[in-house]
């Protein structure tokens, strides 16, 4: 982590922890607060459809959040072992500005663009 100052590393680590805590707090709130379930009229089939849609939507959100939590934990592990901020594809140093914008990134901008081009 020689290209990042200790202050920059601390700032990024705090941002990652804050983001992680926010995701966990939101998930806990959704579990605790059933008030977002309201059925306005309709028959049993309508209510079942609404509940199914709500469940599927919640699952998509949870899957996305779980993926992000894994990326955050991975970034925090990399900070601890001294490999944070190094592109996993080419070994280049990832600039602080990119890490600040996307602290869970594992690739420099060039490698990320090449990866995205390959996906199209």
N, C-alpha and C. Protein backbone atom coordinates (compact mmCIF):
# COMPACT_ATOMS: atom_id res chain seq x y z
N UNK A 1 0.83 -1.19 0.00
CA UNK A 1 0.00 0.00 0.00
C UNK A 1 0.87 1.25 0.00
N UNK A 2 2.02 1.17 -0.57
CA UNK A 2 2.95 2.28 -0.58
C UNK A 2 2.46 3.48 -1.38
N UNK A 3 1.52 3.30 -2.29
CA UNK A 3 1.04 4.43 -3.07
C UNK A 3 -0.07 5.20 -2.36
N UNK A 4 -0.64 4.63 -1.31
CA UNK A 4 -1.66 5.31 -0.52
C UNK A 4 -1.05 5.75 0.81
N UNK A 5 -1.38 6.96 1.22
CA UNK A 5 -0.88 7.42 2.52
C UNK A 5 -1.68 6.71 3.62
N UNK A 6 -1.12 6.64 4.82
CA UNK A 6 -1.89 6.05 5.93
C UNK A 6 -3.23 6.75 6.14
N UNK A 7 -3.27 8.06 5.93
CA UNK A 7 -4.52 8.81 6.09
C UNK A 7 -5.54 8.40 5.02
N UNK A 8 -5.07 8.20 3.78
CA UNK A 8 -5.97 7.77 2.72
C UNK A 8 -6.52 6.37 3.00
N UNK A 9 -5.66 5.48 3.46
CA UNK A 9 -6.09 4.12 3.79
C UNK A 9 -7.14 4.17 4.90
N UNK A 10 -6.88 4.97 5.94
CA UNK A 10 -7.82 5.09 7.05
C UNK A 10 -9.16 5.65 6.57
N UNK A 11 -9.11 6.67 5.71
CA UNK A 11 -10.34 7.27 5.17
C UNK A 11 -11.15 6.23 4.39
N UNK A 12 -10.49 5.46 3.55
CA UNK A 12 -11.18 4.43 2.76
C UNK A 12 -11.72 3.32 3.65
N UNK A 13 -10.94 2.93 4.64
CA UNK A 13 -11.39 1.88 5.57
C UNK A 13 -12.62 2.34 6.33
N UNK A 14 -12.61 3.58 6.80
CA UNK A 14 -13.78 4.12 7.52
C UNK A 14 -15.00 4.17 6.62
N UNK A 15 -14.80 4.54 5.36
CA UNK A 15 -15.91 4.59 4.40
C UNK A 15 -16.49 3.20 4.18
N UNK A 16 -15.62 2.21 4.03
CA UNK A 16 -16.08 0.82 3.85
C UNK A 16 -16.86 0.34 5.07
N UNK A 17 -16.36 0.62 6.26
CA UNK A 17 -17.05 0.19 7.49
C UNK A 17 -18.39 0.90 7.63
N UNK A 18 -18.42 2.18 7.30
CA UNK A 18 -19.68 2.95 7.37
C UNK A 18 -20.71 2.37 6.40
N UNK A 19 -20.27 2.06 5.19
CA UNK A 19 -21.17 1.48 4.18
C UNK A 19 -21.67 0.11 4.65
N UNK A 20 -20.78 -0.70 5.20
CA UNK A 20 -21.15 -2.03 5.71
C UNK A 20 -22.19 -1.91 6.82
N UNK A 21 -21.95 -1.02 7.77
CA UNK A 21 -22.89 -0.84 8.89
C UNK A 21 -24.24 -0.35 8.40
N UNK A 22 -24.24 0.51 7.40
CA UNK A 22 -25.49 1.04 6.84
C UNK A 22 -26.31 -0.07 6.19
N UNK A 23 -25.67 -0.93 5.43
CA UNK A 23 -26.36 -2.05 4.78
C UNK A 23 -26.96 -2.98 5.83
N UNK A 24 -26.18 -3.31 6.84
CA UNK A 24 -26.65 -4.21 7.90
C UNK A 24 -27.82 -3.57 8.66
N UNK A 25 -27.72 -2.29 8.97
CA UNK A 25 -28.80 -1.60 9.70
C UNK A 25 -30.09 -1.59 8.87
N UNK A 26 -29.97 -1.34 7.56
CA UNK A 26 -31.16 -1.34 6.69
C UNK A 26 -31.80 -2.72 6.66
N UNK A 27 -30.98 -3.74 6.55
CA UNK A 27 -31.52 -5.11 6.51
C UNK A 27 -32.22 -5.45 7.82
N UNK A 28 -31.61 -5.08 8.94
CA UNK A 28 -32.24 -5.35 10.24
C UNK A 28 -33.55 -4.59 10.38
N UNK A 29 -33.61 -3.38 9.88
CA UNK A 29 -34.84 -2.58 9.95
C UNK A 29 -35.94 -3.22 9.12
N UNK A 30 -35.60 -3.72 7.94
CA UNK A 30 -36.60 -4.37 7.08
C UNK A 30 -37.15 -5.63 7.74
N UNK A 31 -36.29 -6.33 8.46
CA UNK A 31 -36.74 -7.55 9.14
C UNK A 31 -37.66 -7.20 10.30
N UNK A 32 -37.30 -6.15 11.04
CA UNK A 32 -38.06 -5.75 12.24
C UNK A 32 -39.37 -5.05 11.92
N UNK A 33 -39.45 -4.34 10.80
CA UNK A 33 -40.58 -3.45 10.54
C UNK A 33 -41.53 -4.04 9.50
N UNK A 34 -42.58 -4.72 9.96
CA UNK A 34 -43.54 -5.29 9.01
C UNK A 34 -44.56 -4.27 8.51
N UNK A 35 -44.42 -3.01 8.89
CA UNK A 35 -45.42 -1.99 8.53
C UNK A 35 -45.46 -1.71 7.03
N UNK A 36 -44.44 -2.14 6.29
CA UNK A 36 -44.47 -1.90 4.85
C UNK A 36 -45.33 -2.93 4.12
N UNK A 37 -46.03 -3.76 4.87
CA UNK A 37 -46.96 -4.72 4.28
C UNK A 37 -48.37 -4.22 4.53
N UNK A 38 -49.02 -3.79 3.45
CA UNK A 38 -50.39 -3.30 3.58
C UNK A 38 -51.19 -3.83 2.40
N UNK A 39 -52.33 -4.38 2.68
CA UNK A 39 -53.20 -4.89 1.63
C UNK A 39 -54.45 -4.03 1.57
N UNK A 40 -54.58 -3.32 0.47
CA UNK A 40 -55.74 -2.45 0.27
C UNK A 40 -56.72 -3.18 -0.64
N UNK A 41 -57.72 -3.77 -0.06
CA UNK A 41 -58.75 -4.43 -0.86
C UNK A 41 -58.20 -5.63 -1.62
N UNK A 42 -58.95 -6.05 -2.62
CA UNK A 42 -58.52 -7.18 -3.42
C UNK A 42 -58.86 -8.49 -2.74
N UNK A 43 -58.85 -9.54 -3.53
CA UNK A 43 -59.16 -10.85 -2.98
C UNK A 43 -57.87 -11.56 -2.57
N UNK A 44 -58.02 -12.81 -2.17
CA UNK A 44 -56.85 -13.57 -1.71
C UNK A 44 -55.79 -13.71 -2.80
N UNK A 45 -56.21 -13.87 -4.02
CA UNK A 45 -55.26 -14.02 -5.13
C UNK A 45 -54.47 -12.72 -5.32
N UNK A 46 -55.18 -11.58 -5.27
CA UNK A 46 -54.50 -10.28 -5.38
C UNK A 46 -53.48 -10.11 -4.27
N UNK A 47 -53.89 -10.44 -3.06
CA UNK A 47 -52.98 -10.30 -1.92
C UNK A 47 -51.79 -11.25 -2.06
N UNK A 48 -52.03 -12.45 -2.54
CA UNK A 48 -50.94 -13.41 -2.74
C UNK A 48 -49.97 -12.90 -3.81
N UNK A 49 -50.51 -12.34 -4.88
CA UNK A 49 -49.66 -11.78 -5.94
C UNK A 49 -48.81 -10.62 -5.41
N UNK A 50 -49.44 -9.75 -4.63
CA UNK A 50 -48.72 -8.61 -4.05
C UNK A 50 -47.60 -9.11 -3.14
N UNK A 51 -47.91 -10.09 -2.31
CA UNK A 51 -46.91 -10.63 -1.38
C UNK A 51 -45.78 -11.33 -2.14
N UNK A 52 -46.12 -12.04 -3.21
CA UNK A 52 -45.09 -12.71 -4.02
C UNK A 52 -44.17 -11.68 -4.66
N UNK A 53 -44.75 -10.63 -5.24
CA UNK A 53 -43.94 -9.57 -5.84
C UNK A 53 -43.04 -8.90 -4.80
N UNK A 54 -43.59 -8.65 -3.63
CA UNK A 54 -42.83 -8.02 -2.55
C UNK A 54 -41.67 -8.92 -2.14
N UNK A 55 -41.94 -10.21 -2.01
CA UNK A 55 -40.91 -11.17 -1.63
C UNK A 55 -39.79 -11.22 -2.68
N UNK A 56 -40.16 -11.31 -3.95
CA UNK A 56 -39.17 -11.37 -5.02
C UNK A 56 -38.33 -10.10 -5.07
N UNK A 57 -38.98 -8.96 -4.88
CA UNK A 57 -38.27 -7.68 -4.86
C UNK A 57 -37.28 -7.65 -3.70
N UNK A 58 -37.73 -8.09 -2.53
CA UNK A 58 -36.86 -8.12 -1.35
C UNK A 58 -35.68 -9.07 -1.58
N UNK A 59 -35.92 -10.20 -2.23
CA UNK A 59 -34.85 -11.15 -2.52
C UNK A 59 -33.80 -10.53 -3.43
N UNK A 60 -34.24 -9.79 -4.47
CA UNK A 60 -33.30 -9.13 -5.38
C UNK A 60 -32.44 -8.13 -4.63
N UNK A 61 -33.08 -7.34 -3.76
CA UNK A 61 -32.36 -6.35 -2.96
C UNK A 61 -31.36 -7.06 -2.05
N UNK A 62 -31.81 -8.10 -1.38
CA UNK A 62 -30.94 -8.82 -0.45
C UNK A 62 -29.75 -9.44 -1.18
N UNK A 63 -29.98 -10.00 -2.37
CA UNK A 63 -28.89 -10.60 -3.13
C UNK A 63 -27.86 -9.54 -3.49
N UNK A 64 -28.33 -8.37 -3.94
CA UNK A 64 -27.42 -7.27 -4.28
C UNK A 64 -26.65 -6.80 -3.05
N UNK A 65 -27.35 -6.64 -1.94
CA UNK A 65 -26.70 -6.18 -0.71
C UNK A 65 -25.70 -7.21 -0.19
N UNK A 66 -26.04 -8.48 -0.29
CA UNK A 66 -25.13 -9.52 0.15
C UNK A 66 -23.86 -9.52 -0.69
N UNK A 67 -24.02 -9.34 -2.00
CA UNK A 67 -22.85 -9.25 -2.89
C UNK A 67 -21.97 -8.07 -2.49
N UNK A 68 -22.61 -6.93 -2.21
CA UNK A 68 -21.86 -5.74 -1.81
C UNK A 68 -21.16 -5.96 -0.46
N UNK A 69 -21.84 -6.60 0.48
CA UNK A 69 -21.21 -6.91 1.77
C UNK A 69 -19.97 -7.78 1.59
N UNK A 70 -20.06 -8.75 0.70
CA UNK A 70 -18.90 -9.62 0.44
C UNK A 70 -17.75 -8.81 -0.14
N UNK A 71 -18.06 -7.89 -1.06
CA UNK A 71 -17.02 -7.04 -1.65
C UNK A 71 -16.39 -6.13 -0.60
N UNK A 72 -17.21 -5.62 0.30
CA UNK A 72 -16.70 -4.75 1.37
C UNK A 72 -15.78 -5.56 2.28
N UNK A 73 -16.21 -6.74 2.68
CA UNK A 73 -15.37 -7.58 3.55
C UNK A 73 -14.06 -7.95 2.85
N UNK A 74 -14.13 -8.20 1.56
CA UNK A 74 -12.93 -8.53 0.79
C UNK A 74 -11.98 -7.33 0.76
N UNK A 75 -12.52 -6.14 0.52
CA UNK A 75 -11.69 -4.93 0.52
C UNK A 75 -11.05 -4.70 1.88
N UNK A 76 -11.81 -4.90 2.96
CA UNK A 76 -11.26 -4.73 4.31
C UNK A 76 -10.16 -5.75 4.58
N UNK A 77 -10.33 -6.97 4.09
CA UNK A 77 -9.29 -7.98 4.23
C UNK A 77 -8.03 -7.57 3.48
N UNK A 78 -8.21 -7.03 2.28
CA UNK A 78 -7.07 -6.59 1.47
C UNK A 78 -6.34 -5.43 2.16
N UNK A 79 -7.08 -4.55 2.82
CA UNK A 79 -6.44 -3.47 3.58
C UNK A 79 -5.56 -4.08 4.66
N UNK A 80 -6.11 -5.06 5.37
CA UNK A 80 -5.37 -5.69 6.47
C UNK A 80 -4.11 -6.41 5.99
N UNK A 81 -4.20 -7.05 4.82
CA UNK A 81 -3.02 -7.80 4.38
C UNK A 81 -2.10 -7.01 3.44
N UNK A 82 -2.42 -5.72 3.22
CA UNK A 82 -1.52 -4.85 2.47
C UNK A 82 -1.62 -4.93 0.96
N UNK A 83 -2.69 -5.51 0.43
CA UNK A 83 -2.82 -5.62 -1.02
C UNK A 83 -3.94 -4.74 -1.59
N UNK A 84 -4.53 -3.93 -0.75
CA UNK A 84 -5.63 -3.05 -1.20
C UNK A 84 -5.08 -1.98 -2.13
N UNK A 85 -5.83 -1.70 -3.20
CA UNK A 85 -5.43 -0.66 -4.13
C UNK A 85 -4.51 -1.13 -5.22
N UNK A 86 -4.37 -2.45 -5.36
CA UNK A 86 -3.56 -3.02 -6.43
C UNK A 86 -4.49 -3.80 -7.35
N UNK A 87 -4.44 -3.46 -8.64
CA UNK A 87 -5.32 -4.11 -9.62
C UNK A 87 -5.06 -5.61 -9.64
N UNK A 88 -6.13 -6.40 -9.51
CA UNK A 88 -6.00 -7.85 -9.51
C UNK A 88 -5.77 -8.42 -10.90
N UNK A 89 -5.99 -7.61 -11.93
CA UNK A 89 -5.80 -8.10 -13.29
C UNK A 89 -4.39 -7.83 -13.81
N UNK A 90 -3.86 -6.63 -13.54
CA UNK A 90 -2.55 -6.29 -14.12
C UNK A 90 -1.49 -5.89 -13.10
N UNK A 91 -1.89 -5.73 -11.84
CA UNK A 91 -0.92 -5.37 -10.80
C UNK A 91 -0.63 -3.89 -10.68
N UNK A 92 -1.31 -3.07 -11.48
CA UNK A 92 -1.10 -1.62 -11.41
C UNK A 92 -1.68 -1.06 -10.11
N UNK A 93 -1.16 0.07 -9.70
CA UNK A 93 -1.69 0.74 -8.52
C UNK A 93 -2.96 1.49 -8.90
N UNK A 94 -4.00 1.30 -8.12
CA UNK A 94 -5.28 1.97 -8.37
C UNK A 94 -5.23 3.32 -7.68
N UNK A 95 -5.47 4.42 -8.41
CA UNK A 95 -5.39 5.75 -7.82
C UNK A 95 -6.42 5.95 -6.69
N UNK A 96 -6.03 6.77 -5.72
CA UNK A 96 -6.89 7.08 -4.58
C UNK A 96 -8.26 7.58 -5.05
N UNK A 97 -8.28 8.42 -6.08
CA UNK A 97 -9.54 8.99 -6.56
C UNK A 97 -10.52 7.89 -7.01
N UNK A 98 -10.00 6.87 -7.66
CA UNK A 98 -10.86 5.75 -8.08
C UNK A 98 -11.33 4.96 -6.87
N UNK A 99 -10.44 4.72 -5.93
CA UNK A 99 -10.82 4.00 -4.71
C UNK A 99 -11.83 4.79 -3.90
N UNK A 100 -11.68 6.10 -3.89
CA UNK A 100 -12.62 6.96 -3.16
C UNK A 100 -14.01 6.87 -3.79
N UNK A 101 -14.06 6.85 -5.12
CA UNK A 101 -15.34 6.78 -5.83
C UNK A 101 -15.96 5.39 -5.72
N UNK A 102 -15.13 4.36 -5.70
CA UNK A 102 -15.61 2.96 -5.63
C UNK A 102 -14.66 2.16 -4.76
N UNK A 103 -14.83 2.26 -3.43
CA UNK A 103 -13.86 1.64 -2.52
C UNK A 103 -13.78 0.11 -2.58
N UNK A 104 -14.75 -0.54 -3.21
CA UNK A 104 -14.70 -2.00 -3.31
C UNK A 104 -14.06 -2.48 -4.61
N UNK A 105 -13.60 -1.55 -5.43
CA UNK A 105 -13.03 -1.95 -6.72
C UNK A 105 -11.77 -2.78 -6.53
N UNK A 106 -11.58 -3.71 -7.44
CA UNK A 106 -10.39 -4.56 -7.41
C UNK A 106 -9.57 -4.40 -8.69
N UNK A 107 -10.02 -3.50 -9.58
CA UNK A 107 -9.34 -3.32 -10.86
C UNK A 107 -9.09 -1.84 -11.15
N UNK A 108 -8.00 -1.60 -11.86
CA UNK A 108 -7.75 -0.26 -12.36
C UNK A 108 -8.79 0.03 -13.44
N UNK A 109 -8.90 1.28 -13.82
CA UNK A 109 -9.93 1.68 -14.79
C UNK A 109 -9.73 1.00 -16.14
N UNK A 110 -8.47 0.85 -16.58
CA UNK A 110 -8.20 0.22 -17.88
C UNK A 110 -8.67 -1.23 -17.91
N UNK A 111 -8.33 -1.98 -16.87
CA UNK A 111 -8.74 -3.39 -16.82
C UNK A 111 -10.26 -3.53 -16.69
N UNK A 112 -10.87 -2.64 -15.94
CA UNK A 112 -12.33 -2.67 -15.78
C UNK A 112 -13.01 -2.40 -17.12
N UNK A 113 -12.50 -1.42 -17.86
CA UNK A 113 -13.07 -1.13 -19.17
C UNK A 113 -12.91 -2.31 -20.12
N UNK A 114 -11.73 -2.95 -20.10
CA UNK A 114 -11.52 -4.14 -20.94
C UNK A 114 -12.48 -5.26 -20.56
N UNK A 115 -12.70 -5.45 -19.25
CA UNK A 115 -13.64 -6.48 -18.79
C UNK A 115 -15.04 -6.18 -19.28
N UNK A 116 -15.45 -4.91 -19.19
CA UNK A 116 -16.80 -4.54 -19.62
C UNK A 116 -16.96 -4.67 -21.11
N UNK A 117 -15.92 -4.36 -21.88
CA UNK A 117 -15.98 -4.54 -23.33
C UNK A 117 -16.18 -6.01 -23.68
N UNK A 118 -15.55 -6.89 -22.91
CA UNK A 118 -15.68 -8.32 -23.14
C UNK A 118 -17.06 -8.85 -22.82
N UNK A 119 -17.82 -8.12 -21.99
CA UNK A 119 -19.16 -8.55 -21.61
C UNK A 119 -20.21 -8.22 -22.66
N UNK A 120 -19.88 -7.31 -23.58
CA UNK A 120 -20.87 -6.90 -24.58
C UNK A 120 -20.88 -7.76 -25.80
